Amino acid sequence: MKRVLILGGTGDASKLAAKLAKISDVEVITSLAGRTQNPVTPAGIVRVGGFSGAEGLAEYIRAENINVLIDATHPYAAQISFHAAAAANLCQIPHLMLVRPSWKPVCGDDWIDVDSVEAAVDLLPNIAKRVFLTVGRQQLAAFADLDNIWFLMRLIEPHGADALVPPGKILYGRGPFAVENEYQLLQEYQIDTLVSKNSGGDATYAKIIAARQLGVKLVMVKRPATPPGETVSVLEDALAWVMGNG
């Protein structure tokens, strides 16, 4: 029995777990960080919680006799990706990163790349009055001092009662979103600038299309660096890799 550990929390991770769970000689374990209150539960065994760094993850890999490790975390979960690479090296097991392709600007986009959330905060007072902010609840506090800008914020789950948030309105929703709905949202709230992380994938790309159609400026926070190692972007390639390793 081949034991596969997936570091998950993304739709791609859940899809991969579902496919691996159907293979008779594979046992799949998905580890979730536990930051989302009502996550989509993947197929197979599910573990919730952190590992306390690379050493802790390595201890878990040894204790559970894991044969291969797949990092299918969010593109902005940089710390766990580096911990995964280090743990796989410590345990001398095959390690793969499943990374969805990033979005690229196309003709018609008013696209501005920034290196970090902090860089977006510094830029906005010079270009924006009404912002659609889609960077996740953990990043809201960074924008809280921009009191001359009105923010429409979309979250998957409520923020803490004592959390710092910028002035504006909070909406709740989980993708995928339709282009027509995003278009209506940008129009209704008179949005002039969209701030987003470059998450990639189809689930939230509709906001990019709607911004393009309306001439809304797009401030895109670049992805953090990832550790060196083998990387695929397609589920079928990840499946083939699992069957060829371990």
C-alpha atoms as a PDB file:
ATOM      1  CA  MET A   1       0.000   0.000   0.000  1.00  0.00           C
ATOM      2  CA  LYS A   2       1.438   3.344  -1.093  1.00  0.00           C
ATOM      3  CA  ARG A   3       0.714   6.120   1.430  1.00  0.00           C
ATOM      4  CA  VAL A   4       0.391   9.584  -0.072  1.00  0.00           C
ATOM      5  CA  LEU A   5       0.295  12.755   2.016  1.00  0.00           C
ATOM      6  CA  ILE A   6      -1.312  15.765   0.338  1.00  0.00           C
ATOM      7  CA  LEU A   7      -0.880  19.184   1.910  1.00  0.00           C
ATOM      8  CA  GLY A   8      -4.230  20.558   0.867  1.00  0.00           C
ATOM      9  CA  GLY A   9      -6.793  23.281   1.374  1.00  0.00           C
ATOM     10  CA  THR A  10      -7.352  24.001  -2.321  1.00  0.00           C
ATOM     11  CA  GLY A  11      -9.848  22.724  -4.855  1.00  0.00           C
ATOM     12  CA  ASP A  12      -7.012  21.086  -6.784  1.00  0.00           C
ATOM     13  CA  ALA A  13      -5.945  19.185  -3.666  1.00  0.00           C
ATOM     14  CA  SER A  14      -9.484  17.874  -3.133  1.00  0.00           C
ATOM     15  CA  LYS A  15      -9.773  16.783  -6.765  1.00  0.00           C
ATOM     16  CA  LEU A  16      -6.447  14.975  -6.568  1.00  0.00           C
ATOM     17  CA  ALA A  17      -7.430  13.235  -3.323  1.00  0.00           C
ATOM     18  CA  ALA A  18     -10.694  12.069  -4.918  1.00  0.00           C
ATOM     19  CA  LYS A  19      -8.837  10.529  -7.862  1.00  0.00           C
ATOM     20  CA  LEU A  20      -6.172   8.878  -5.705  1.00  0.00           C
ATOM     21  CA  ALA A  21      -8.779   7.456  -3.317  1.00  0.00           C
ATOM     22  CA  LYS A  22     -10.173   5.371  -6.194  1.00  0.00           C
ATOM     23  CA  ILE A  23      -6.855   3.578  -6.742  1.00  0.00           C
ATOM     24  CA  SER A  24      -6.824   0.275  -4.853  1.00  0.00           C
ATOM     25  CA  ASP A  25      -3.174   0.235  -3.760  1.00  0.00           C
ATOM     26  CA  VAL A  26      -3.031   3.898  -2.695  1.00  0.00           C
ATOM     27  CA  GLU A  27      -4.009   5.336   0.687  1.00  0.00           C
ATOM     28  CA  VAL A  28      -4.357   9.106   0.601  1.00  0.00           C
ATOM     29  CA  ILE A  29      -4.130  11.446   3.584  1.00  0.00           C
ATOM     30  CA  THR A  30      -4.952  15.127   3.170  1.00  0.00           C
ATOM     31  CA  SER A  31      -3.682  17.598   5.733  1.00  0.00           C
ATOM     32  CA  LEU A  32      -5.636  20.829   6.205  1.00  0.00           C
ATOM     33  CA  ALA A  33      -4.237  23.814   8.088  1.00  0.00           C
ATOM     34  CA  GLY A  34      -7.530  24.343   9.938  1.00  0.00           C
ATOM     35  CA  ARG A  35      -7.870  28.056   9.175  1.00  0.00           C
ATOM     36  CA  THR A  36     -11.203  27.607   7.386  1.00  0.00           C
ATOM     37  CA  GLN A  37     -14.147  26.813   9.628  1.00  0.00           C
ATOM     38  CA  ASN A  38     -16.138  24.791   7.086  1.00  0.00           C
ATOM     39  CA  PRO A  39     -13.649  23.400   4.573  1.00  0.00           C
ATOM     40  CA  VAL A  40     -14.592  21.127   1.710  1.00  0.00           C
ATOM     41  CA  THR A  41     -13.790  17.662   3.088  1.00  0.00           C
ATOM     42  CA  PRO A  42     -11.636  15.696   0.646  1.00  0.00           C
ATOM     43  CA  ALA A  43     -11.838  11.948   0.043  1.00  0.00           C
ATOM     44  CA  GLY A  44      -9.679   9.605   2.091  1.00  0.00           C
ATOM     45  CA  ILE A  45      -8.168  10.313   5.493  1.00  0.00           C
ATOM     46  CA  VAL A  46      -8.233  13.936   6.642  1.00  0.00           C
ATOM     47  CA  ARG A  47      -5.888  15.493   9.175  1.00  0.00           C
ATOM     48  CA  VAL A  48      -6.451  19.031  10.513  1.00  0.00           C
ATOM     49  CA  GLY A  49      -3.802  21.253  12.068  1.00  0.00           C
ATOM     50  CA  GLY A  50      -0.225  22.418  11.626  1.00  0.00           C
ATOM     51  CA  PHE A  51       3.022  20.481  11.995  1.00  0.00           C
ATOM     52  CA  SER A  52       5.190  22.999  13.898  1.00  0.00           C
ATOM     53  CA  GLY A  53       7.673  23.448  11.073  1.00  0.00           C
ATOM     54  CA  ALA A  54       9.696  21.182   8.826  1.00  0.00           C
ATOM     55  CA  GLU A  55      10.923  18.956  11.676  1.00  0.00           C
ATOM     56  CA  GLY A  56       7.372  18.379  12.873  1.00  0.00           C
ATOM     57  CA  LEU A  57       6.234  17.483   9.366  1.00  0.00           C
ATOM     58  CA  ALA A  58       9.190  15.117   9.020  1.00  0.00           C
ATOM     59  CA  GLU A  59       8.240  13.415  12.275  1.00  0.00           C
ATOM     60  CA  TYR A  60       4.694  12.939  11.001  1.00  0.00           C
ATOM     61  CA  ILE A  61       5.967  11.506   7.696  1.00  0.00           C
ATOM     62  CA  ARG A  62       8.099   8.964   9.540  1.00  0.00           C
ATOM     63  CA  ALA A  63       5.409   8.060  12.079  1.00  0.00           C
ATOM     64  CA  GLU A  64       2.767   7.508   9.395  1.00  0.00           C
ATOM     65  CA  ASN A  65       5.100   5.734   6.951  1.00  0.00           C
ATOM     66  CA  ILE A  66       4.368   8.234   4.182  1.00  0.00           C
ATOM     67  CA  ASN A  67       5.865   7.215   0.838  1.00  0.00           C
ATOM     68  CA  VAL A  68       5.327  10.389  -1.202  1.00  0.00           C
ATOM     69  CA  LEU A  69       4.492  14.010  -0.364  1.00  0.00           C
ATOM     70  CA  ILE A  70       2.442  16.350  -2.548  1.00  0.00           C
ATOM     71  CA  ASP A  71       2.265  20.049  -1.781  1.00  0.00           C
ATOM     72  CA  ALA A  72      -1.066  21.246  -3.215  1.00  0.00           C
ATOM     73  CA  THR A  73      -1.461  24.240  -0.917  1.00  0.00           C
ATOM     74  CA  HIS A  74      -2.506  27.734  -1.972  1.00  0.00           C
ATOM     75  CA  PRO A  75       0.117  29.585  -4.048  1.00  0.00           C
ATOM     76  CA  TYR A  76       0.474  32.126  -1.222  1.00  0.00           C
ATOM     77  CA  ALA A  77       1.089  29.528   1.509  1.00  0.00           C
ATOM     78  CA  ALA A  78       4.832  29.978   1.035  1.00  0.00           C
ATOM     79  CA  GLN A  79       5.970  28.916   4.493  1.00  0.00           C
ATOM     80  CA  ILE A  80       4.389  25.466   4.401  1.00  0.00           C
ATOM     81  CA  SER A  81       5.794  24.912   0.901  1.00  0.00           C
ATOM     82  CA  PHE A  82       9.339  25.496   2.128  1.00  0.00           C
ATOM     83  CA  HIS A  83       8.671  23.308   5.164  1.00  0.00           C
ATOM     84  CA  ALA A  84       7.368  20.549   2.875  1.00  0.00           C
ATOM     85  CA  ALA A  85      10.458  20.642   0.687  1.00  0.00           C
ATOM     86  CA  ALA A  86      12.733  20.528   3.731  1.00  0.00           C
ATOM     87  CA  ALA A  87      10.768  17.685   5.366  1.00  0.00           C
ATOM     88  CA  ALA A  88      10.802  15.593   2.193  1.00  0.00           C
ATOM     89  CA  ASN A  89      14.564  16.080   1.997  1.00  0.00           C
ATOM     90  CA  LEU A  90      15.004  15.069   5.635  1.00  0.00           C
ATOM     91  CA  CYS A  91      12.946  11.916   5.091  1.00  0.00           C
ATOM     92  CA  GLN A  92      14.357  11.226   1.626  1.00  0.00           C
ATOM     93  CA  ILE A  93      10.941  10.710   0.032  1.00  0.00           C
ATOM     94  CA  PRO A  94       9.697  11.987  -3.362  1.00  0.00           C
ATOM     95  CA  HIS A  95       8.134  15.461  -3.210  1.00  0.00           C
ATOM     96  CA  LEU A  96       5.924  17.171  -5.785  1.00  0.00           C
ATOM     97  CA  MET A  97       4.382  20.630  -5.945  1.00  0.00           C
ATOM     98  CA  LEU A  98       0.997  20.894  -7.666  1.00  0.00           C
ATOM     99  CA  VAL A  99       0.770  24.573  -8.605  1.00  0.00           C
ATOM    100  CA  ARG A 100      -1.995  26.037 -10.727  1.00  0.00           C
ATOM    101  CA  PRO A 101      -0.780  28.418 -13.469  1.00  0.00           C
ATOM    102  CA  SER A 102      -0.817  32.099 -12.571  1.00  0.00           C
ATOM    103  CA  TRP A 103      -3.024  34.606 -14.366  1.00  0.00           C
ATOM    104  CA  LYS A 104      -1.390  36.710 -17.074  1.00  0.00           C
ATOM    105  CA  PRO A 105      -2.455  40.159 -18.313  1.00  0.00           C
ATOM    106  CA  VAL A 106      -4.146  40.203 -21.717  1.00  0.00           C
ATOM    107  CA  CYS A 107      -5.116  42.950 -24.120  1.00  0.00           C
ATOM    108  CA  GLY A 108      -7.586  45.302 -22.433  1.00  0.00           C
ATOM    109  CA  ASP A 109      -6.345  44.784 -18.865  1.00  0.00           C
ATOM    110  CA  ASP A 110      -5.274  47.858 -16.882  1.00  0.00           C
ATOM    111  CA  TRP A 111      -2.934  45.612 -14.903  1.00  0.00           C
ATOM    112  CA  ILE A 112      -0.423  46.741 -12.255  1.00  0.00           C
ATOM    113  CA  ASP A 113       1.862  44.132 -10.663  1.00  0.00           C
ATOM    114  CA  VAL A 114       3.029  44.735  -7.087  1.00  0.00           C
ATOM    115  CA  ASP A 115       5.462  42.646  -5.078  1.00  0.00           C
ATOM    116  CA  SER A 116       3.425  42.416  -1.872  1.00  0.00           C
ATOM    117  CA  VAL A 117       0.242  43.383  -0.060  1.00  0.00           C
ATOM    118  CA  GLU A 118       2.206  46.186   1.588  1.00  0.00           C
ATOM    119  CA  ALA A 119       3.163  47.532  -1.840  1.00  0.00           C
ATOM    120  CA  ALA A 120      -0.528  47.524  -2.814  1.00  0.00           C
ATOM    121  CA  VAL A 121      -1.343  49.515   0.327  1.00  0.00           C
ATOM    122  CA  ASP A 122       1.297  52.108  -0.591  1.00  0.00           C
ATOM    123  CA  LEU A 123       0.031  52.385  -4.168  1.00  0.00           C
ATOM    124  CA  LEU A 124      -3.730  52.681  -3.645  1.00  0.00           C
ATOM    125  CA  PRO A 125      -3.941  56.281  -2.320  1.00  0.00           C
ATOM    126  CA  ASN A 126      -2.418  57.460  -5.599  1.00  0.00           C
ATOM    127  CA  ILE A 127      -4.791  55.638  -7.941  1.00  0.00           C
ATOM    128  CA  ALA A 128      -8.029  54.587  -6.215  1.00  0.00           C
ATOM    129  CA  LYS A 129     -11.154  55.861  -4.488  1.00  0.00           C
ATOM    130  CA  ARG A 130     -13.391  52.768  -4.461  1.00  0.00           C
ATOM    131  CA  VAL A 131     -11.681  49.390  -4.234  1.00  0.00           C
ATOM    132  CA  PHE A 132     -12.858  45.796  -4.547  1.00  0.00           C
ATOM    133  CA  LEU A 133     -10.508  43.990  -2.149  1.00  0.00           C
ATOM    134  CA  THR A 134     -10.161  40.220  -2.632  1.00  0.00           C
ATOM    135  CA  VAL A 135      -6.987  39.270  -0.757  1.00  0.00           C
ATOM    136  CA  GLY A 136      -8.501  37.241   2.117  1.00  0.00           C
ATOM    137  CA  ARG A 137      -9.468  38.101   5.680  1.00  0.00           C
ATOM    138  CA  GLN A 138      -5.960  37.738   7.082  1.00  0.00           C
ATOM    139  CA  GLN A 139      -4.761  40.671   4.972  1.00  0.00           C
ATOM    140  CA  LEU A 140      -7.558  43.159   5.739  1.00  0.00           C
ATOM    141  CA  ALA A 141      -5.709  44.839   8.600  1.00  0.00           C
ATOM    142  CA  ALA A 142      -2.964  46.004   6.237  1.00  0.00           C
ATOM    143  CA  PHE A 143      -5.507  48.303   4.518  1.00  0.00           C
ATOM    144  CA  ALA A 144      -7.231  49.537   7.687  1.00  0.00           C
ATOM    145  CA  ASP A 145      -5.463  52.924   7.788  1.00  0.00           C
ATOM    146  CA  LEU A 146      -6.531  53.911   4.256  1.00  0.00           C
ATOM    147  CA  ASP A 147      -9.486  55.941   5.490  1.00  0.00           C
ATOM    148  CA  ASN A 148      -9.775  58.025   2.309  1.00  0.00           C
ATOM    149  CA  ILE A 149     -10.677  54.946   0.250  1.00  0.00           C
ATOM    150  CA  TRP A 150     -13.940  52.991   0.359  1.00  0.00           C
ATOM    151  CA  PHE A 151     -13.530  49.201   0.212  1.00  0.00           C
ATOM    152  CA  LEU A 152     -15.821  46.421  -0.926  1.00  0.00           C
ATOM    153  CA  MET A 153     -14.364  43.298   0.685  1.00  0.00           C
ATOM    154  CA  ARG A 154     -15.279  39.715  -0.173  1.00  0.00           C
ATOM    155  CA  LEU A 155     -14.483  36.955   2.302  1.00  0.00           C
ATOM    156  CA  ILE A 156     -15.203  33.242   2.498  1.00  0.00           C
ATOM    157  CA  GLU A 157     -15.787  33.399   6.268  1.00  0.00           C
ATOM    158  CA  PRO A 158     -16.365  36.173   8.833  1.00  0.00           C
ATOM    159  CA  HIS A 159     -13.341  37.901  10.305  1.00  0.00           C
ATOM    160  CA  GLY A 160     -12.814  38.079  14.064  1.00  0.00           C
ATOM    161  CA  ALA A 161     -14.927  40.532  16.038  1.00  0.00           C
ATOM    162  CA  ASP A 162     -11.846  42.528  17.059  1.00  0.00           C
ATOM    163  CA  ALA A 163     -10.118  42.405  13.665  1.00  0.00           C
ATOM    164  CA  LEU A 164      -8.984  45.629  12.021  1.00  0.00           C
ATOM    165  CA  VAL A 165     -10.770  46.251   8.728  1.00  0.00           C
ATOM    166  CA  PRO A 166     -10.748  49.184   6.311  1.00  0.00           C
ATOM    167  CA  PRO A 167     -13.866  51.362   5.835  1.00  0.00           C
ATOM    168  CA  GLY A 168     -16.500  49.921   3.540  1.00  0.00           C
ATOM    169  CA  LYS A 169     -18.743  46.878   3.115  1.00  0.00           C
ATOM    170  CA  ILE A 170     -18.066  43.147   3.544  1.00  0.00           C
ATOM    171  CA  LEU A 171     -19.629  40.467   1.368  1.00  0.00           C
ATOM    172  CA  TYR A 172     -19.359  36.698   1.868  1.00  0.00           C
ATOM    173  CA  GLY A 173     -19.030  34.159  -0.892  1.00  0.00           C
ATOM    174  CA  ARG A 174     -17.052  31.218  -2.225  1.00  0.00           C
ATOM    175  CA  GLY A 175     -16.211  30.767  -5.917  1.00  0.00           C
ATOM    176  CA  PRO A 176     -16.775  29.952  -8.629  1.00  0.00           C
ATOM    177  CA  PHE A 177     -18.327  33.298  -9.559  1.00  0.00           C
ATOM    178  CA  ALA A 178     -20.066  34.204 -12.829  1.00  0.00           C
ATOM    179  CA  VAL A 179     -18.787  37.053 -14.999  1.00  0.00           C
ATOM    180  CA  GLU A 180     -22.199  38.716 -15.181  1.00  0.00           C
ATOM    181  CA  ASN A 181     -22.471  38.779 -11.394  1.00  0.00           C
ATOM    182  CA  GLU A 182     -18.990  40.235 -10.991  1.00  0.00           C
ATOM    183  CA  TYR A 183     -19.742  42.841 -13.653  1.00  0.00           C
ATOM    184  CA  GLN A 184     -22.909  43.867 -11.809  1.00  0.00           C
ATOM    185  CA  LEU A 185     -21.038  44.026  -8.500  1.00  0.00           C
ATOM    186  CA  LEU A 186     -18.348  46.332  -9.876  1.00  0.00           C
ATOM    187  CA  GLN A 187     -20.977  48.583 -11.435  1.00  0.00           C
ATOM    188  CA  GLU A 188     -23.287  48.683  -8.424  1.00  0.00           C
ATOM    189  CA  TYR A 189     -20.523  49.752  -6.046  1.00  0.00           C
ATOM    190  CA  GLN A 190     -18.805  52.053  -8.573  1.00  0.00           C
ATOM    191  CA  ILE A 191     -15.491  50.231  -8.196  1.00  0.00           C
ATOM    192  CA  ASP A 192     -12.497  51.873  -9.869  1.00  0.00           C
ATOM    193  CA  THR A 193      -9.788  49.445  -8.697  1.00  0.00           C
ATOM    194  CA  LEU A 194      -9.640  45.715  -8.025  1.00  0.00           C
ATOM    195  CA  VAL A 195      -6.954  44.337  -5.690  1.00  0.00           C
ATOM    196  CA  SER A 196      -6.283  40.621  -5.951  1.00  0.00           C
ATOM    197  CA  LYS A 197      -3.698  37.961  -5.288  1.00  0.00           C
ATOM    198  CA  ASN A 198      -2.615  36.036  -8.374  1.00  0.00           C
ATOM    199  CA  SER A 199      -4.280  32.809  -7.265  1.00  0.00           C
ATOM    200  CA  GLY A 200      -4.784  31.429 -10.766  1.00  0.00           C
ATOM    201  CA  GLY A 201      -7.477  28.959 -11.746  1.00  0.00           C
ATOM    202  CA  ASP A 202     -11.029  29.459 -12.943  1.00  0.00           C
ATOM    203  CA  ALA A 203     -13.002  29.852  -9.701  1.00  0.00           C
ATOM    204  CA  THR A 204     -12.377  33.585  -9.242  1.00  0.00           C
ATOM    205  CA  TYR A 205     -11.120  34.646 -12.681  1.00  0.00           C
ATOM    206  CA  ALA A 206     -14.525  36.147 -13.525  1.00  0.00           C
ATOM    207  CA  LYS A 207     -13.656  39.297 -11.545  1.00  0.00           C
ATOM    208  CA  ILE A 208     -10.639  39.820 -13.829  1.00  0.00           C
ATOM    209  CA  ILE A 209     -12.837  39.563 -16.922  1.00  0.00           C
ATOM    210  CA  ALA A 210     -15.422  41.954 -15.455  1.00  0.00           C
ATOM    211  CA  ALA A 211     -12.699  44.467 -14.534  1.00  0.00           C
ATOM    212  CA  ARG A 212     -11.366  44.289 -18.091  1.00  0.00           C
ATOM    213  CA  GLN A 213     -14.818  44.890 -19.568  1.00  0.00           C
ATOM    214  CA  LEU A 214     -15.434  47.913 -17.337  1.00  0.00           C
ATOM    215  CA  GLY A 215     -11.964  49.449 -17.546  1.00  0.00           C
ATOM    216  CA  VAL A 216     -11.378  48.926 -13.826  1.00  0.00           C
ATOM    217  CA  LYS A 217      -7.731  49.095 -12.733  1.00  0.00           C
ATOM    218  CA  LEU A 218      -6.306  45.799 -11.494  1.00  0.00           C
ATOM    219  CA  VAL A 219      -3.636  45.726  -8.784  1.00  0.00           C
ATOM    220  CA  MET A 220      -2.214  42.193  -8.751  1.00  0.00           C
ATOM    221  CA  VAL A 221      -0.098  40.972  -5.831  1.00  0.00           C
ATOM    222  CA  LYS A 222       2.640  38.710  -7.172  1.00  0.00           C
ATOM    223  CA  ARG A 223       3.098  35.204  -5.845  1.00  0.00           C
ATOM    224  CA  PRO A 224       5.817  34.574  -3.271  1.00  0.00           C
ATOM    225  CA  ALA A 225       8.864  32.500  -4.165  1.00  0.00           C
ATOM    226  CA  THR A 226       8.560  28.720  -4.040  1.00  0.00           C
ATOM    227  CA  PRO A 227      11.229  26.182  -3.119  1.00  0.00           C
ATOM    228  CA  PRO A 228      13.107  24.366  -5.869  1.00  0.00           C
ATOM    229  CA  GLY A 229      11.702  20.999  -6.819  1.00  0.00           C
ATOM    230  CA  GLU A 230       9.540  19.078  -9.225  1.00  0.00           C
ATOM    231  CA  THR A 231       6.362  20.949 -10.167  1.00  0.00           C
ATOM    232  CA  VAL A 232       3.266  20.140 -12.221  1.00  0.00           C
ATOM    233  CA  SER A 233       0.149  22.170 -12.955  1.00  0.00           C
ATOM    234  CA  VAL A 234      -2.207  19.444 -14.231  1.00  0.00           C
ATOM    235  CA  LEU A 235      -3.961  16.833 -12.075  1.00  0.00           C
ATOM    236  CA  GLU A 236      -3.270  14.040 -14.552  1.00  0.00           C
ATOM    237  CA  ASP A 237       0.451  14.783 -14.362  1.00  0.00           C
ATOM    238  CA  ALA A 238       0.295  14.617 -10.564  1.00  0.00           C
ATOM    239  CA  LEU A 239      -1.464  11.244 -10.753  1.00  0.00           C
ATOM    240  CA  ALA A 240       1.137   9.888 -13.154  1.00  0.00           C
ATOM    241  CA  TRP A 241       3.890  11.155 -10.853  1.00  0.00           C
ATOM    242  CA  VAL A 242       2.369   9.367  -7.828  1.00  0.00           C
ATOM    243  CA  MET A 243       2.145   6.076  -9.677  1.00  0.00           C
ATOM    244  CA  GLY A 244       5.765   6.398 -10.767  1.00  0.00           C
ATOM    245  CA  ASN A 245       7.184   7.210  -7.329  1.00  0.00           C
ATOM    246  CA  GLY A 246       7.263   5.717  -3.892  1.00  0.00           C
END
